Amino acid sequence: MIQRTLASFSMILRKSFFKNELFKMSILHDRIDFRCVEDKRHSFSVPFKAITHVLICKTPNREIEIDTTEEVIFGNFKSNKSVDRAFRLLESLLKERVSCIEV
């Protein structure tokens, strides 16, 4: 069954200390899809049940940290508007697993 995307955001994911890649983060009803713009082979999905915590920082860097059962995903949103929308949507879907730091 094809699911409708609830929202999509452009973001930079830190794949390693020296490697940042542009991704499109799409939030669906049961997972988050990360589609690499530069190399489709780097794309991946994270089901909501694997997410243990999401921290969104409403700071000038617009950071997001997604803790999963297997890894930690670090990234930066491209705009302040995206940070606010992503926080509201993820909080409504993941409830107490989402927190926010505001400066």
N, C-alpha and C. Protein backbone atom coordinates (compact mmCIF):
# COMPACT_ATOMS: atom_id res chain seq x y z
N MET A 1 0.84 -1.18 0.00
CA MET A 1 0.00 0.00 0.00
C MET A 1 0.89 1.24 0.00
N ILE A 2 0.61 2.17 -0.87
CA ILE A 2 1.38 3.41 -0.95
C ILE A 2 0.84 4.38 0.09
N GLN A 3 1.77 4.91 0.88
CA GLN A 3 1.38 5.87 1.91
C GLN A 3 1.60 7.29 1.40
N ARG A 4 0.75 8.18 1.87
CA ARG A 4 0.87 9.59 1.53
C ARG A 4 1.91 10.23 2.46
N THR A 5 2.79 11.02 1.89
CA THR A 5 3.79 11.75 2.66
C THR A 5 3.10 12.89 3.41
N LEU A 6 3.32 12.97 4.72
CA LEU A 6 2.73 14.03 5.53
C LEU A 6 3.46 15.34 5.35
N ALA A 7 4.80 15.28 5.21
CA ALA A 7 5.61 16.47 5.00
C ALA A 7 6.99 16.04 4.54
N SER A 8 7.66 16.94 3.81
CA SER A 8 9.02 16.71 3.36
C SER A 8 9.87 17.93 3.66
N PHE A 9 11.13 17.68 4.00
CA PHE A 9 12.04 18.75 4.36
C PHE A 9 13.41 18.49 3.74
N SER A 10 14.07 19.54 3.29
CA SER A 10 15.45 19.41 2.83
C SER A 10 16.36 19.57 4.03
N MET A 11 17.38 18.73 4.09
CA MET A 11 18.30 18.80 5.22
C MET A 11 19.66 18.25 4.84
N ILE A 12 20.65 18.63 5.60
CA ILE A 12 22.00 18.12 5.45
C ILE A 12 22.21 17.09 6.56
N LEU A 13 22.56 15.85 6.19
CA LEU A 13 22.86 14.82 7.18
C LEU A 13 24.37 14.68 7.28
N ARG A 14 24.84 14.56 8.52
CA ARG A 14 26.27 14.33 8.75
C ARG A 14 26.50 12.83 8.75
N LYS A 15 27.08 12.34 7.67
CA LYS A 15 27.33 10.92 7.52
C LYS A 15 28.65 10.50 8.18
N SER A 16 29.58 11.42 8.30
CA SER A 16 30.83 11.18 9.00
C SER A 16 31.42 12.55 9.33
N PHE A 17 32.57 12.57 9.96
CA PHE A 17 33.15 13.84 10.40
C PHE A 17 33.37 14.81 9.24
N PHE A 18 33.81 14.30 8.10
CA PHE A 18 34.11 15.16 6.96
C PHE A 18 33.08 15.09 5.84
N LYS A 19 32.05 14.28 5.99
CA LYS A 19 31.12 14.05 4.89
C LYS A 19 29.70 14.48 5.27
N ASN A 20 29.20 15.49 4.59
CA ASN A 20 27.82 15.93 4.73
C ASN A 20 27.13 15.71 3.40
N GLU A 21 25.86 15.26 3.45
CA GLU A 21 25.12 15.02 2.22
C GLU A 21 23.73 15.63 2.31
N LEU A 22 23.24 16.12 1.17
CA LEU A 22 21.91 16.71 1.09
C LEU A 22 20.88 15.58 0.96
N PHE A 23 19.89 15.61 1.85
CA PHE A 23 18.81 14.61 1.86
C PHE A 23 17.46 15.31 1.84
N LYS A 24 16.47 14.59 1.37
CA LYS A 24 15.07 15.01 1.52
C LYS A 24 14.48 14.06 2.56
N MET A 25 14.06 14.61 3.68
CA MET A 25 13.45 13.83 4.75
C MET A 25 11.94 13.87 4.56
N SER A 26 11.32 12.71 4.37
CA SER A 26 9.87 12.62 4.18
C SER A 26 9.27 11.87 5.36
N ILE A 27 8.30 12.50 6.01
CA ILE A 27 7.63 11.90 7.15
C ILE A 27 6.33 11.27 6.66
N LEU A 28 6.21 9.95 6.89
CA LEU A 28 5.01 9.22 6.54
C LEU A 28 4.29 8.84 7.83
N HIS A 29 3.26 8.02 7.75
CA HIS A 29 2.48 7.66 8.94
C HIS A 29 3.21 6.71 9.88
N ASP A 30 4.16 5.93 9.34
CA ASP A 30 4.82 4.93 10.18
C ASP A 30 6.34 4.92 10.09
N ARG A 31 6.90 5.87 9.32
CA ARG A 31 8.35 5.89 9.16
C ARG A 31 8.82 7.25 8.64
N ILE A 32 10.15 7.42 8.69
CA ILE A 32 10.78 8.58 8.08
C ILE A 32 11.69 8.06 6.97
N ASP A 33 11.49 8.58 5.77
CA ASP A 33 12.35 8.22 4.64
C ASP A 33 13.38 9.32 4.44
N PHE A 34 14.63 8.92 4.25
CA PHE A 34 15.71 9.85 3.95
C PHE A 34 16.20 9.52 2.54
N ARG A 35 15.93 10.41 1.60
CA ARG A 35 16.33 10.19 0.20
C ARG A 35 17.52 11.09 -0.11
N CYS A 36 18.65 10.47 -0.40
CA CYS A 36 19.86 11.22 -0.72
C CYS A 36 19.71 11.85 -2.10
N VAL A 37 19.91 13.16 -2.17
CA VAL A 37 19.76 13.88 -3.43
C VAL A 37 20.94 13.59 -4.35
N GLU A 38 22.14 13.44 -3.78
CA GLU A 38 23.36 13.27 -4.58
C GLU A 38 23.58 11.82 -5.04
N ASP A 39 23.21 10.86 -4.21
CA ASP A 39 23.46 9.45 -4.53
C ASP A 39 22.34 8.61 -3.93
N LYS A 40 21.43 8.15 -4.77
CA LYS A 40 20.24 7.41 -4.32
C LYS A 40 20.60 6.16 -3.52
N ARG A 41 21.80 5.61 -3.72
CA ARG A 41 22.21 4.41 -2.99
C ARG A 41 22.38 4.68 -1.50
N HIS A 42 22.51 5.94 -1.10
CA HIS A 42 22.67 6.30 0.31
C HIS A 42 21.32 6.51 1.01
N SER A 43 20.23 6.39 0.28
CA SER A 43 18.89 6.59 0.86
C SER A 43 18.54 5.46 1.82
N PHE A 44 17.72 5.78 2.83
CA PHE A 44 17.32 4.79 3.82
C PHE A 44 16.03 5.23 4.51
N SER A 45 15.42 4.31 5.26
CA SER A 45 14.19 4.58 6.01
C SER A 45 14.38 4.17 7.46
N VAL A 46 13.65 4.85 8.34
CA VAL A 46 13.66 4.50 9.77
C VAL A 46 12.21 4.36 10.22
N PRO A 47 11.78 3.16 10.60
CA PRO A 47 10.41 3.00 11.10
C PRO A 47 10.25 3.69 12.46
N PHE A 48 9.06 4.21 12.72
CA PHE A 48 8.81 4.89 14.00
C PHE A 48 9.10 4.00 15.19
N LYS A 49 8.81 2.70 15.06
CA LYS A 49 9.03 1.81 16.21
C LYS A 49 10.50 1.67 16.57
N ALA A 50 11.41 2.01 15.65
CA ALA A 50 12.85 1.96 15.93
C ALA A 50 13.39 3.26 16.51
N ILE A 51 12.58 4.31 16.50
CA ILE A 51 13.03 5.62 17.02
C ILE A 51 12.81 5.67 18.52
N THR A 52 13.89 5.92 19.26
CA THR A 52 13.79 6.00 20.71
C THR A 52 13.65 7.44 21.20
N HIS A 53 14.25 8.40 20.48
CA HIS A 53 14.14 9.81 20.87
C HIS A 53 14.51 10.71 19.70
N VAL A 54 13.85 11.85 19.61
CA VAL A 54 14.17 12.87 18.62
C VAL A 54 14.38 14.18 19.37
N LEU A 55 15.52 14.82 19.14
CA LEU A 55 15.82 16.12 19.73
C LEU A 55 15.94 17.12 18.59
N ILE A 56 15.14 18.16 18.64
CA ILE A 56 15.20 19.23 17.64
C ILE A 56 15.66 20.50 18.35
N CYS A 57 16.69 21.15 17.78
CA CYS A 57 17.24 22.37 18.37
C CYS A 57 16.84 23.56 17.51
N LYS A 58 16.03 24.43 18.10
CA LYS A 58 15.63 25.66 17.40
C LYS A 58 16.68 26.72 17.67
N THR A 59 17.86 26.47 17.16
CA THR A 59 19.01 27.37 17.29
C THR A 59 19.40 27.82 15.89
N PRO A 60 20.38 28.71 15.77
CA PRO A 60 20.80 29.12 14.42
C PRO A 60 21.26 27.96 13.53
N ASN A 61 21.72 26.86 14.13
CA ASN A 61 22.17 25.71 13.34
C ASN A 61 21.03 24.80 12.90
N ARG A 62 19.85 24.92 13.50
CA ARG A 62 18.65 24.15 13.13
C ARG A 62 18.93 22.65 13.12
N GLU A 63 19.43 22.12 14.22
CA GLU A 63 19.87 20.73 14.30
C GLU A 63 18.74 19.76 14.67
N ILE A 64 18.90 18.52 14.22
CA ILE A 64 18.03 17.43 14.61
C ILE A 64 18.92 16.23 14.94
N GLU A 65 18.55 15.53 16.00
CA GLU A 65 19.24 14.30 16.38
C GLU A 65 18.17 13.23 16.57
N ILE A 66 18.28 12.16 15.80
CA ILE A 66 17.31 11.07 15.87
C ILE A 66 18.03 9.84 16.41
N ASP A 67 17.65 9.43 17.61
CA ASP A 67 18.21 8.22 18.22
C ASP A 67 17.33 7.04 17.83
N THR A 68 17.96 6.01 17.30
CA THR A 68 17.23 4.80 16.94
C THR A 68 17.84 3.62 17.69
N THR A 69 17.26 2.47 17.53
CA THR A 69 17.78 1.28 18.19
C THR A 69 19.12 0.85 17.60
N GLU A 70 19.46 1.35 16.41
CA GLU A 70 20.69 0.93 15.75
C GLU A 70 21.73 2.01 15.55
N GLU A 71 21.33 3.28 15.50
CA GLU A 71 22.27 4.36 15.24
C GLU A 71 21.70 5.70 15.69
N VAL A 72 22.55 6.72 15.61
CA VAL A 72 22.11 8.09 15.86
C VAL A 72 22.31 8.86 14.56
N ILE A 73 21.26 9.56 14.14
CA ILE A 73 21.29 10.32 12.90
C ILE A 73 21.35 11.80 13.26
N PHE A 74 22.37 12.50 12.74
CA PHE A 74 22.54 13.93 13.00
C PHE A 74 22.31 14.69 11.70
N GLY A 75 21.61 15.83 11.80
CA GLY A 75 21.39 16.63 10.61
C GLY A 75 21.07 18.07 10.94
N ASN A 76 20.96 18.86 9.88
CA ASN A 76 20.60 20.27 9.99
C ASN A 76 19.53 20.58 8.96
N PHE A 77 18.45 21.21 9.41
CA PHE A 77 17.40 21.65 8.49
C PHE A 77 17.91 22.83 7.68
N LYS A 78 17.34 23.00 6.49
CA LYS A 78 17.75 24.09 5.61
C LYS A 78 17.09 25.43 5.99
N SER A 79 15.96 25.39 6.73
CA SER A 79 15.29 26.65 7.06
C SER A 79 14.65 26.59 8.45
N ASN A 80 14.42 27.75 9.04
CA ASN A 80 13.76 27.83 10.35
C ASN A 80 12.31 27.36 10.26
N LYS A 81 11.66 27.65 9.16
CA LYS A 81 10.27 27.23 8.97
C LYS A 81 10.17 25.70 9.01
N SER A 82 11.14 25.03 8.40
CA SER A 82 11.16 23.56 8.41
C SER A 82 11.29 23.00 9.81
N VAL A 83 12.11 23.64 10.64
CA VAL A 83 12.30 23.18 12.02
C VAL A 83 10.98 23.20 12.77
N ASP A 84 10.26 24.29 12.68
CA ASP A 84 8.97 24.42 13.39
C ASP A 84 7.96 23.39 12.90
N ARG A 85 7.83 23.23 11.58
CA ARG A 85 6.88 22.27 11.02
C ARG A 85 7.25 20.84 11.41
N ALA A 86 8.53 20.51 11.31
CA ALA A 86 8.97 19.15 11.64
C ALA A 86 8.72 18.85 13.11
N PHE A 87 9.00 19.81 13.99
CA PHE A 87 8.78 19.59 15.41
C PHE A 87 7.31 19.31 15.71
N ARG A 88 6.43 20.15 15.19
CA ARG A 88 4.99 19.97 15.44
C ARG A 88 4.50 18.62 14.92
N LEU A 89 4.92 18.25 13.73
CA LEU A 89 4.47 17.00 13.14
C LEU A 89 5.03 15.78 13.88
N LEU A 90 6.32 15.79 14.15
CA LEU A 90 6.93 14.65 14.84
C LEU A 90 6.40 14.52 16.26
N GLU A 91 6.15 15.65 16.92
CA GLU A 91 5.59 15.60 18.28
C GLU A 91 4.19 14.98 18.25
N SER A 92 3.41 15.30 17.24
CA SER A 92 2.05 14.73 17.17
C SER A 92 2.09 13.22 16.87
N LEU A 93 3.10 12.77 16.16
CA LEU A 93 3.20 11.36 15.80
C LEU A 93 3.93 10.51 16.84
N LEU A 94 5.00 11.07 17.42
CA LEU A 94 5.86 10.30 18.32
C LEU A 94 5.68 10.67 19.79
N LYS A 95 4.86 11.66 20.07
CA LYS A 95 4.49 12.07 21.44
C LYS A 95 5.72 12.36 22.31
N GLU A 96 5.85 11.62 23.42
CA GLU A 96 6.88 11.90 24.42
C GLU A 96 8.30 11.58 23.96
N ARG A 97 8.45 10.98 22.79
CA ARG A 97 9.79 10.67 22.29
C ARG A 97 10.44 11.88 21.60
N VAL A 98 9.74 13.01 21.53
CA VAL A 98 10.25 14.19 20.88
C VAL A 98 10.44 15.31 21.88
N SER A 99 11.60 15.96 21.83
CA SER A 99 11.85 17.13 22.67
C SER A 99 12.50 18.22 21.84
N CYS A 100 12.50 19.42 22.41
CA CYS A 100 12.97 20.59 21.67
C CYS A 100 13.79 21.49 22.58
N ILE A 101 14.84 22.05 22.03
CA ILE A 101 15.63 23.08 22.72
C ILE A 101 15.45 24.37 21.93
N GLU A 102 15.06 25.43 22.63
CA GLU A 102 14.89 26.72 21.97
C GLU A 102 15.86 27.72 22.58
N VAL A 103 16.38 28.59 21.72
CA VAL A 103 17.31 29.63 22.19
C VAL A 103 16.73 30.97 21.85
